[in-house]
């Protein structure tokens, strides 16, 4: 993957969310392997985002597509790695 093909990652969460912090750390770890830009968005800052994501944070969007929502479980480092790898090929 070239530098111009950096993945745009958005992590939707809220302050004082332990699970959100764990997913952010996983993404930062993978940032050493994959070219990506991470933006962390606090859903409390926007009523529409709060409504959309309040029951499914942490949620991860990749290149504008919400790929992972925490409905039955929180995305793992291995799942993120697999998705990043798939998108990088």
PDB file of N, CA and C in Angstrom:
ATOM      1  N   UNK A   1       0.852  -1.174   0.000  1.00  0.00           N
ATOM      2  CA  UNK A   1       0.000   0.000   0.000  1.00  0.00           C
ATOM      3  C   UNK A   1       0.895   1.233   0.000  1.00  0.00           C
ATOM      4  N   UNK A   2       0.684   2.141  -0.934  1.00  0.00           N
ATOM      5  CA  UNK A   2       1.509   3.334  -1.016  1.00  0.00           C
ATOM      6  C   UNK A   2       1.016   4.393  -0.034  1.00  0.00           C
ATOM      7  N   UNK A   3       1.860   5.400   0.188  1.00  0.00           N
ATOM      8  CA  UNK A   3       1.497   6.469   1.112  1.00  0.00           C
ATOM      9  C   UNK A   3       0.210   7.153   0.679  1.00  0.00           C
ATOM     10  N   UNK A   4      -0.017   7.248  -0.648  1.00  0.00           N
ATOM     11  CA  UNK A   4      -1.216   7.929  -1.126  1.00  0.00           C
ATOM     12  C   UNK A   4      -2.471   7.103  -0.862  1.00  0.00           C
ATOM     13  N   UNK A   5      -2.302   5.844  -0.509  1.00  0.00           N
ATOM     14  CA  UNK A   5      -3.438   4.974  -0.219  1.00  0.00           C
ATOM     15  C   UNK A   5      -3.631   4.763   1.278  1.00  0.00           C
ATOM     16  N   UNK A   6      -3.374   5.783   2.046  1.00  0.00           N
ATOM     17  CA  UNK A   6      -3.558   5.678   3.494  1.00  0.00           C
ATOM     18  C   UNK A   6      -5.027   5.441   3.799  1.00  0.00           C
ATOM     19  N   UNK A   7      -5.289   4.560   4.732  1.00  0.00           N
ATOM     20  CA  UNK A   7      -6.657   4.324   5.170  1.00  0.00           C
ATOM     21  C   UNK A   7      -7.068   5.441   6.119  1.00  0.00           C
ATOM     22  N   UNK A   8      -8.284   5.908   5.958  1.00  0.00           N
ATOM     23  CA  UNK A   8      -8.858   6.902   6.851  1.00  0.00           C
ATOM     24  C   UNK A   8      -9.698   6.154   7.883  1.00  0.00           C
ATOM     25  N   UNK A   9      -9.264   6.159   9.123  1.00  0.00           N
ATOM     26  CA  UNK A   9      -9.950   5.435  10.193  1.00  0.00           C
ATOM     27  C   UNK A   9     -10.616   6.447  11.122  1.00  0.00           C
ATOM     28  N   UNK A  10     -11.898   6.228  11.399  1.00  0.00           N
ATOM     29  CA  UNK A  10     -12.608   7.050  12.379  1.00  0.00           C
ATOM     30  C   UNK A  10     -13.111   6.112  13.466  1.00  0.00           C
ATOM     31  N   UNK A  11     -12.745   6.433  14.692  1.00  0.00           N
ATOM     32  CA  UNK A  11     -13.214   5.681  15.853  1.00  0.00           C
ATOM     33  C   UNK A  11     -14.274   6.520  16.552  1.00  0.00           C
ATOM     34  N   UNK A  12     -15.490   5.999  16.583  1.00  0.00           N
ATOM     35  CA  UNK A  12     -16.584   6.674  17.279  1.00  0.00           C
ATOM     36  C   UNK A  12     -16.670   6.119  18.693  1.00  0.00           C
ATOM     37  N   UNK A  13     -16.645   7.006  19.672  1.00  0.00           N
ATOM     38  CA  UNK A  13     -16.714   6.582  21.065  1.00  0.00           C
ATOM     39  C   UNK A  13     -17.115   7.751  21.938  1.00  0.00           C
ATOM     40  N   UNK A  14     -16.759   7.660  23.199  1.00  0.00           N
ATOM     41  CA  UNK A  14     -17.002   8.765  24.133  1.00  0.00           C
ATOM     42  C   UNK A  14     -15.916   8.754  25.186  1.00  0.00           C
ATOM     43  N   UNK A  15     -15.812   9.870  25.882  1.00  0.00           N
ATOM     44  CA  UNK A  15     -14.811   9.983  26.956  1.00  0.00           C
ATOM     45  C   UNK A  15     -15.132   8.972  28.053  1.00  0.00           C
ATOM     46  N   UNK A  16     -14.086   8.538  28.746  1.00  0.00           N
ATOM     47  CA  UNK A  16     -14.206   7.596  29.865  1.00  0.00           C
ATOM     48  C   UNK A  16     -14.842   6.272  29.465  1.00  0.00           C
ATOM     49  N   UNK A  17     -14.586   5.852  28.230  1.00  0.00           N
ATOM     50  CA  UNK A  17     -15.072   4.563  27.724  1.00  0.00           C
ATOM     51  C   UNK A  17     -13.853   3.640  27.602  1.00  0.00           C
ATOM     52  N   UNK A  18     -13.744   2.707  28.527  1.00  0.00           N
ATOM     53  CA  UNK A  18     -12.583   1.803  28.558  1.00  0.00           C
ATOM     54  C   UNK A  18     -12.465   1.006  27.265  1.00  0.00           C
ATOM     55  N   UNK A  19     -13.595   0.506  26.759  1.00  0.00           N
ATOM     56  CA  UNK A  19     -13.561  -0.271  25.521  1.00  0.00           C
ATOM     57  C   UNK A  19     -13.121   0.581  24.331  1.00  0.00           C
ATOM     58  N   UNK A  20     -13.567   1.836  24.304  1.00  0.00           N
ATOM     59  CA  UNK A  20     -13.147   2.753  23.240  1.00  0.00           C
ATOM     60  C   UNK A  20     -11.634   2.962  23.295  1.00  0.00           C
ATOM     61  N   UNK A  21     -11.107   3.145  24.503  1.00  0.00           N
ATOM     62  CA  UNK A  21      -9.663   3.324  24.677  1.00  0.00           C
ATOM     63  C   UNK A  21      -8.899   2.095  24.202  1.00  0.00           C
ATOM     64  N   UNK A  22      -9.430   0.908  24.468  1.00  0.00           N
ATOM     65  CA  UNK A  22      -8.761  -0.332  24.044  1.00  0.00           C
ATOM     66  C   UNK A  22      -8.734  -0.447  22.522  1.00  0.00           C
ATOM     67  N   UNK A  23      -9.835  -0.115  21.868  1.00  0.00           N
ATOM     68  CA  UNK A  23      -9.874  -0.178  20.401  1.00  0.00           C
ATOM     69  C   UNK A  23      -8.944   0.879  19.811  1.00  0.00           C
ATOM     70  N   UNK A  24      -8.915   2.066  20.399  1.00  0.00           N
ATOM     71  CA  UNK A  24      -7.993   3.101  19.932  1.00  0.00           C
ATOM     72  C   UNK A  24      -6.548   2.606  20.026  1.00  0.00           C
ATOM     73  N   UNK A  25      -6.199   1.978  21.121  1.00  0.00           N
ATOM     74  CA  UNK A  25      -4.839   1.451  21.287  1.00  0.00           C
ATOM     75  C   UNK A  25      -4.534   0.400  20.225  1.00  0.00           C
ATOM     76  N   UNK A  26      -5.481  -0.481  19.938  1.00  0.00           N
ATOM     77  CA  UNK A  26      -5.289  -1.503  18.894  1.00  0.00           C
ATOM     78  C   UNK A  26      -5.031  -0.853  17.535  1.00  0.00           C
ATOM     79  N   UNK A  27      -5.814   0.179  17.216  1.00  0.00           N
ATOM     80  CA  UNK A  27      -5.627   0.867  15.933  1.00  0.00           C
ATOM     81  C   UNK A  27      -4.260   1.534  15.892  1.00  0.00           C
ATOM     82  N   UNK A  28      -3.849   2.146  16.991  1.00  0.00           N
ATOM     83  CA  UNK A  28      -2.530   2.803  17.025  1.00  0.00           C
ATOM     84  C   UNK A  28      -1.402   1.780  16.865  1.00  0.00           C
ATOM     85  N   UNK A  29      -1.555   0.613  17.456  1.00  0.00           N
ATOM     86  CA  UNK A  29      -0.558  -0.453  17.286  1.00  0.00           C
ATOM     87  C   UNK A  29      -0.472  -0.846  15.815  1.00  0.00           C
ATOM     88  N   UNK A  30      -1.622  -1.025  15.172  1.00  0.00           N
ATOM     89  CA  UNK A  30      -1.642  -1.413  13.762  1.00  0.00           C
ATOM     90  C   UNK A  30      -1.156  -0.290  12.850  1.00  0.00           C
ATOM     91  N   UNK A  31      -1.205   0.950  13.352  1.00  0.00           N
ATOM     92  CA  UNK A  31      -0.691   2.077  12.584  1.00  0.00           C
ATOM     93  C   UNK A  31       0.805   1.993  12.333  1.00  0.00           C
ATOM     94  N   UNK A  32       1.500   1.170  13.108  1.00  0.00           N
ATOM     95  CA  UNK A  32       2.930   0.944  12.877  1.00  0.00           C
ATOM     96  C   UNK A  32       3.156   0.015  11.685  1.00  0.00           C
ATOM     97  N   UNK A  33       2.106  -0.710  11.289  1.00  0.00           N
ATOM     98  CA  UNK A  33       2.203  -1.679  10.201  1.00  0.00           C
ATOM     99  C   UNK A  33       1.520  -1.168   8.930  1.00  0.00           C
ATOM    100  N   UNK A  34       0.403  -0.503   9.099  1.00  0.00           N
ATOM    101  CA  UNK A  34      -0.411  -0.050   7.967  1.00  0.00           C
ATOM    102  C   UNK A  34      -0.426   1.472   7.897  1.00  0.00           C
ATOM    103  N   UNK A  35      -0.361   2.031   6.680  1.00  0.00           N
ATOM    104  CA  UNK A  35      -0.469   3.485   6.560  1.00  0.00           C
ATOM    105  C   UNK A  35      -1.915   3.911   6.810  1.00  0.00           C
ATOM    106  N   UNK A  36      -2.118   4.622   7.906  1.00  0.00           N
ATOM    107  CA  UNK A  36      -3.474   5.040   8.230  1.00  0.00           C
ATOM    108  C   UNK A  36      -3.461   6.370   8.956  1.00  0.00           C
ATOM    109  N   UNK A  37      -4.593   7.039   8.877  1.00  0.00           N
ATOM    110  CA  UNK A  37      -4.826   8.263   9.628  1.00  0.00           C
ATOM    111  C   UNK A  37      -6.006   7.987  10.533  1.00  0.00           C
ATOM    112  N   UNK A  38      -5.831   8.205  11.826  1.00  0.00           N
ATOM    113  CA  UNK A  38      -6.875   7.943  12.814  1.00  0.00           C
ATOM    114  C   UNK A  38      -7.471   9.249  13.314  1.00  0.00           C
ATOM    115  N   UNK A  39      -8.786   9.292  13.319  1.00  0.00           N
ATOM    116  CA  UNK A  39      -9.514  10.411  13.919  1.00  0.00           C
ATOM    117  C   UNK A  39     -10.463   9.814  14.944  1.00  0.00           C
ATOM    118  N   UNK A  40     -10.389  10.306  16.170  1.00  0.00           N
ATOM    119  CA  UNK A  40     -11.268   9.845  17.243  1.00  0.00           C
ATOM    120  C   UNK A  40     -12.382  10.873  17.399  1.00  0.00           C
ATOM    121  N   UNK A  41     -13.635  10.403  17.313  1.00  0.00           N
ATOM    122  CA  UNK A  41     -14.791  11.291  17.383  1.00  0.00           C
ATOM    123  C   UNK A  41     -15.606  10.952  18.633  1.00  0.00           C
ATOM    124  N   UNK A  42     -15.812  11.971  19.466  1.00  0.00           N
ATOM    125  CA  UNK A  42     -16.637  11.815  20.664  1.00  0.00           C
ATOM    126  C   UNK A  42     -18.096  11.996  20.243  1.00  0.00           C
ATOM    127  N   UNK A  43     -18.878  10.935  20.333  1.00  0.00           N
ATOM    128  CA  UNK A  43     -20.270  11.005  19.882  1.00  0.00           C
ATOM    129  C   UNK A  43     -21.096  11.967  20.715  1.00  0.00           C
ATOM    130  N   UNK A  44     -20.602  12.324  21.904  1.00  0.00           N
ATOM    131  CA  UNK A  44     -21.318  13.277  22.757  1.00  0.00           C
ATOM    132  C   UNK A  44     -21.277  14.692  22.170  1.00  0.00           C
ATOM    133  N   UNK A  45     -20.401  14.922  21.193  1.00  0.00           N
ATOM    134  CA  UNK A  45     -20.240  16.257  20.620  1.00  0.00           C
ATOM    135  C   UNK A  45     -21.289  16.573  19.558  1.00  0.00           C
ATOM    136  N   UNK A  46     -22.072  15.579  19.154  1.00  0.00           N
ATOM    137  CA  UNK A  46     -23.037  15.785  18.074  1.00  0.00           C
ATOM    138  C   UNK A  46     -24.269  14.926  18.338  1.00  0.00           C
ATOM    139  N   UNK A  47     -25.439  15.556  18.489  1.00  0.00           N
ATOM    140  CA  UNK A  47     -26.648  14.785  18.795  1.00  0.00           C
ATOM    141  C   UNK A  47     -26.961  13.691  17.760  1.00  0.00           C
ATOM    142  N   UNK A  48     -26.698  13.949  16.495  1.00  0.00           N
ATOM    143  CA  UNK A  48     -26.970  12.935  15.462  1.00  0.00           C
ATOM    144  C   UNK A  48     -26.032  11.745  15.618  1.00  0.00           C
ATOM    145  N   UNK A  49     -24.761  12.014  15.881  1.00  0.00           N
ATOM    146  CA  UNK A  49     -23.811  10.919  16.110  1.00  0.00           C
ATOM    147  C   UNK A  49     -24.171  10.150  17.371  1.00  0.00           C
ATOM    148  N   UNK A  50     -24.574  10.865  18.402  1.00  0.00           N
ATOM    149  CA  UNK A  50     -24.963  10.207  19.647  1.00  0.00           C
ATOM    150  C   UNK A  50     -26.129   9.259  19.398  1.00  0.00           C
ATOM    151  N   UNK A  51     -27.114   9.723  18.667  1.00  0.00           N
ATOM    152  CA  UNK A  51     -28.286   8.896  18.355  1.00  0.00           C
ATOM    153  C   UNK A  51     -27.891   7.653  17.551  1.00  0.00           C
ATOM    154  N   UNK A  52     -27.015   7.843  16.563  1.00  0.00           N
ATOM    155  CA  UNK A  52     -26.622   6.734  15.686  1.00  0.00           C
ATOM    156  C   UNK A  52     -25.755   5.699  16.389  1.00  0.00           C
ATOM    157  N   UNK A  53     -24.846   6.150  17.253  1.00  0.00           N
ATOM    158  CA  UNK A  53     -23.829   5.245  17.785  1.00  0.00           C
ATOM    159  C   UNK A  53     -23.934   4.937  19.277  1.00  0.00           C
ATOM    160  N   UNK A  54     -24.876   5.532  20.006  1.00  0.00           N
ATOM    161  CA  UNK A  54     -24.873   5.411  21.467  1.00  0.00           C
ATOM    162  C   UNK A  54     -24.916   3.977  21.973  1.00  0.00           C
ATOM    163  N   UNK A  55     -25.525   3.070  21.245  1.00  0.00           N
ATOM    164  CA  UNK A  55     -25.630   1.688  21.714  1.00  0.00           C
ATOM    165  C   UNK A  55     -24.619   0.751  21.062  1.00  0.00           C
ATOM    166  N   UNK A  56     -23.752   1.293  20.197  1.00  0.00           N
ATOM    167  CA  UNK A  56     -22.835   0.414  19.456  1.00  0.00           C
ATOM    168  C   UNK A  56     -21.373   0.876  19.492  1.00  0.00           C
ATOM    169  N   UNK A  57     -21.020   1.738  20.471  1.00  0.00           N
ATOM    170  CA  UNK A  57     -19.621   2.146  20.560  1.00  0.00           C
ATOM    171  C   UNK A  57     -18.830   1.108  21.344  1.00  0.00           C
ATOM    172  N   UNK A  58     -17.552   1.007  21.039  1.00  0.00           N
ATOM    173  CA  UNK A  58     -16.840   1.711  19.993  1.00  0.00           C
ATOM    174  C   UNK A  58     -17.229   1.200  18.602  1.00  0.00           C
ATOM    175  N   UNK A  59     -17.274   2.134  17.659  1.00  0.00           N
ATOM    176  CA  UNK A  59     -17.540   1.803  16.263  1.00  0.00           C
ATOM    177  C   UNK A  59     -16.366   2.316  15.437  1.00  0.00           C
ATOM    178  N   UNK A  60     -16.020   1.568  14.396  1.00  0.00           N
ATOM    179  CA  UNK A  60     -14.868   1.917  13.569  1.00  0.00           C
ATOM    180  C   UNK A  60     -15.312   2.042  12.119  1.00  0.00           C
ATOM    181  N   UNK A  61     -15.002   3.200  11.527  1.00  0.00           N
ATOM    182  CA  UNK A  61     -15.241   3.413  10.101  1.00  0.00           C
ATOM    183  C   UNK A  61     -13.895   3.401   9.391  1.00  0.00           C
ATOM    184  N   UNK A  62     -13.875   2.769   8.226  1.00  0.00           N
ATOM    185  CA  UNK A  62     -12.674   2.715   7.402  1.00  0.00           C
ATOM    186  C   UNK A  62     -13.035   3.306   6.053  1.00  0.00           C
ATOM    187  N   UNK A  63     -12.324   4.358   5.676  1.00  0.00           N
ATOM    188  CA  UNK A  63     -12.578   5.034   4.402  1.00  0.00           C
ATOM    189  C   UNK A  63     -14.055   5.355   4.211  1.00  0.00           C
ATOM    190  N   UNK A  64     -14.679   5.870   5.265  1.00  0.00           N
ATOM    191  CA  UNK A  64     -16.056   6.326   5.187  1.00  0.00           C
ATOM    192  C   UNK A  64     -17.125   5.274   5.402  1.00  0.00           C
ATOM    193  N   UNK A  65     -16.736   4.023   5.565  1.00  0.00           N
ATOM    194  CA  UNK A  65     -17.686   2.927   5.760  1.00  0.00           C
ATOM    195  C   UNK A  65     -17.590   2.404   7.192  1.00  0.00           C
ATOM    196  N   UNK A  66     -18.706   2.426   7.920  1.00  0.00           N
ATOM    197  CA  UNK A  66     -18.693   1.864   9.274  1.00  0.00           C
ATOM    198  C   UNK A  66     -18.613   0.351   9.135  1.00  0.00           C
ATOM    199  N   UNK A  67     -17.466  -0.199   9.507  1.00  0.00           N
ATOM    200  CA  UNK A  67     -17.181  -1.620   9.317  1.00  0.00           C
ATOM    201  C   UNK A  67     -17.447  -2.409  10.593  1.00  0.00           C
ATOM    202  N   UNK A  68     -17.136  -1.810  11.725  1.00  0.00           N
ATOM    203  CA  UNK A  68     -17.304  -2.505  13.001  1.00  0.00           C
ATOM    204  C   UNK A  68     -18.172  -1.679  13.937  1.00  0.00           C
ATOM    205  N   UNK A  69     -19.235  -2.292  14.431  1.00  0.00           N
ATOM    206  CA  UNK A  69     -20.080  -1.712  15.469  1.00  0.00           C
ATOM    207  C   UNK A  69     -20.088  -2.713  16.616  1.00  0.00           C
ATOM    208  N   UNK A  70     -20.014  -2.229  17.833  1.00  0.00           N
ATOM    209  CA  UNK A  70     -19.976  -3.125  18.989  1.00  0.00           C
ATOM    210  C   UNK A  70     -21.395  -3.493  19.404  1.00  0.00           C
ATOM    211  N   UNK A  71     -21.947  -4.471  18.694  1.00  0.00           N
ATOM    212  CA  UNK A  71     -23.307  -4.919  18.973  1.00  0.00           C
ATOM    213  C   UNK A  71     -23.258  -6.155  19.870  1.00  0.00           C
ATOM    214  N   UNK A  72     -22.613  -7.212  19.404  1.00  0.00           N
ATOM    215  CA  UNK A  72     -22.500  -8.427  20.217  1.00  0.00           C
ATOM    216  C   UNK A  72     -21.122  -8.569  20.857  1.00  0.00           C
ATOM    217  N   UNK A  73     -20.121  -7.905  20.286  1.00  0.00           N
ATOM    218  CA  UNK A  73     -18.784  -7.909  20.884  1.00  0.00           C
ATOM    219  C   UNK A  73     -18.002  -6.704  20.361  1.00  0.00           C
ATOM    220  N   UNK A  74     -16.907  -6.395  21.033  1.00  0.00           N
ATOM    221  CA  UNK A  74     -16.041  -5.289  20.639  1.00  0.00           C
ATOM    222  C   UNK A  74     -14.976  -5.829  19.690  1.00  0.00           C
ATOM    223  N   UNK A  75     -14.727  -5.084  18.620  1.00  0.00           N
ATOM    224  CA  UNK A  75     -13.745  -5.508  17.627  1.00  0.00           C
ATOM    225  C   UNK A  75     -12.390  -5.744  18.295  1.00  0.00           C
ATOM    226  N   UNK A  76     -11.729  -6.791  17.854  1.00  0.00           N
ATOM    227  CA  UNK A  76     -10.428  -7.150  18.424  1.00  0.00           C
ATOM    228  C   UNK A  76      -9.291  -6.666  17.530  1.00  0.00           C
ATOM    229  N   UNK A  77      -8.088  -6.681  18.081  1.00  0.00           N
ATOM    230  CA  UNK A  77      -6.911  -6.334  17.305  1.00  0.00           C
ATOM    231  C   UNK A  77      -6.792  -7.269  16.103  1.00  0.00           C
ATOM    232  N   UNK A  78      -7.047  -8.556  16.294  1.00  0.00           N
ATOM    233  CA  UNK A  78      -6.939  -9.522  15.200  1.00  0.00           C
ATOM    234  C   UNK A  78      -7.956  -9.230  14.092  1.00  0.00           C
ATOM    235  N   UNK A  79      -9.174  -8.852  14.475  1.00  0.00           N
ATOM    236  CA  UNK A  79     -10.198  -8.531  13.465  1.00  0.00           C
ATOM    237  C   UNK A  79      -9.831  -7.254  12.698  1.00  0.00           C
ATOM    238  N   UNK A  80      -9.320  -6.263  13.419  1.00  0.00           N
ATOM    239  CA  UNK A  80      -8.868  -5.042  12.752  1.00  0.00           C
ATOM    240  C   UNK A  80      -7.724  -5.354  11.797  1.00  0.00           C
ATOM    241  N   UNK A  81      -6.764  -6.136  12.252  1.00  0.00           N
ATOM    242  CA  UNK A  81      -5.622  -6.506  11.430  1.00  0.00           C
ATOM    243  C   UNK A  81      -6.083  -7.212  10.157  1.00  0.00           C
ATOM    244  N   UNK A  82      -6.996  -8.142  10.298  1.00  0.00           N
ATOM    245  CA  UNK A  82      -7.500  -8.884   9.135  1.00  0.00           C
ATOM    246  C   UNK A  82      -8.171  -7.938   8.135  1.00  0.00           C
ATOM    247  N   UNK A  83      -8.974  -7.007   8.625  1.00  0.00           N
ATOM    248  CA  UNK A  83      -9.662  -6.055   7.734  1.00  0.00           C
ATOM    249  C   UNK A  83      -8.671  -5.099   7.072  1.00  0.00           C
ATOM    250  N   UNK A  84      -7.699  -4.588   7.837  1.00  0.00           N
ATOM    251  CA  UNK A  84      -6.696  -3.703   7.267  1.00  0.00           C
ATOM    252  C   UNK A  84      -5.889  -4.433   6.207  1.00  0.00           C
ATOM    253  N   UNK A  85      -5.541  -5.666   6.488  1.00  0.00           N
ATOM    254  CA  UNK A  85      -4.780  -6.481   5.531  1.00  0.00           C
ATOM    255  C   UNK A  85      -5.581  -6.683   4.253  1.00  0.00           C
ATOM    256  N   UNK A  86      -6.856  -7.001   4.392  1.00  0.00           N
ATOM    257  CA  UNK A  86      -7.731  -7.215   3.231  1.00  0.00           C
ATOM    258  C   UNK A  86      -7.809  -5.953   2.365  1.00  0.00           C
ATOM    259  N   UNK A  87      -7.905  -4.820   3.009  1.00  0.00           N
ATOM    260  CA  UNK A  87      -8.018  -3.566   2.271  1.00  0.00           C
ATOM    261  C   UNK A  87      -6.695  -3.127   1.674  1.00  0.00           C
ATOM    262  N   UNK A  88      -5.594  -3.627   2.204  1.00  0.00           N
ATOM    263  CA  UNK A  88      -4.278  -3.226   1.720  1.00  0.00           C
ATOM    264  C   UNK A  88      -3.793  -4.013   0.523  1.00  0.00           C
ATOM    265  N   UNK A  89      -4.535  -5.050   0.152  1.00  0.00           N
ATOM    266  CA  UNK A  89      -4.067  -5.879  -0.973  1.00  0.00           C
ATOM    267  C   UNK A  89      -4.774  -5.528  -2.246  1.00  0.00           C
TER     268      UNK A  89
END
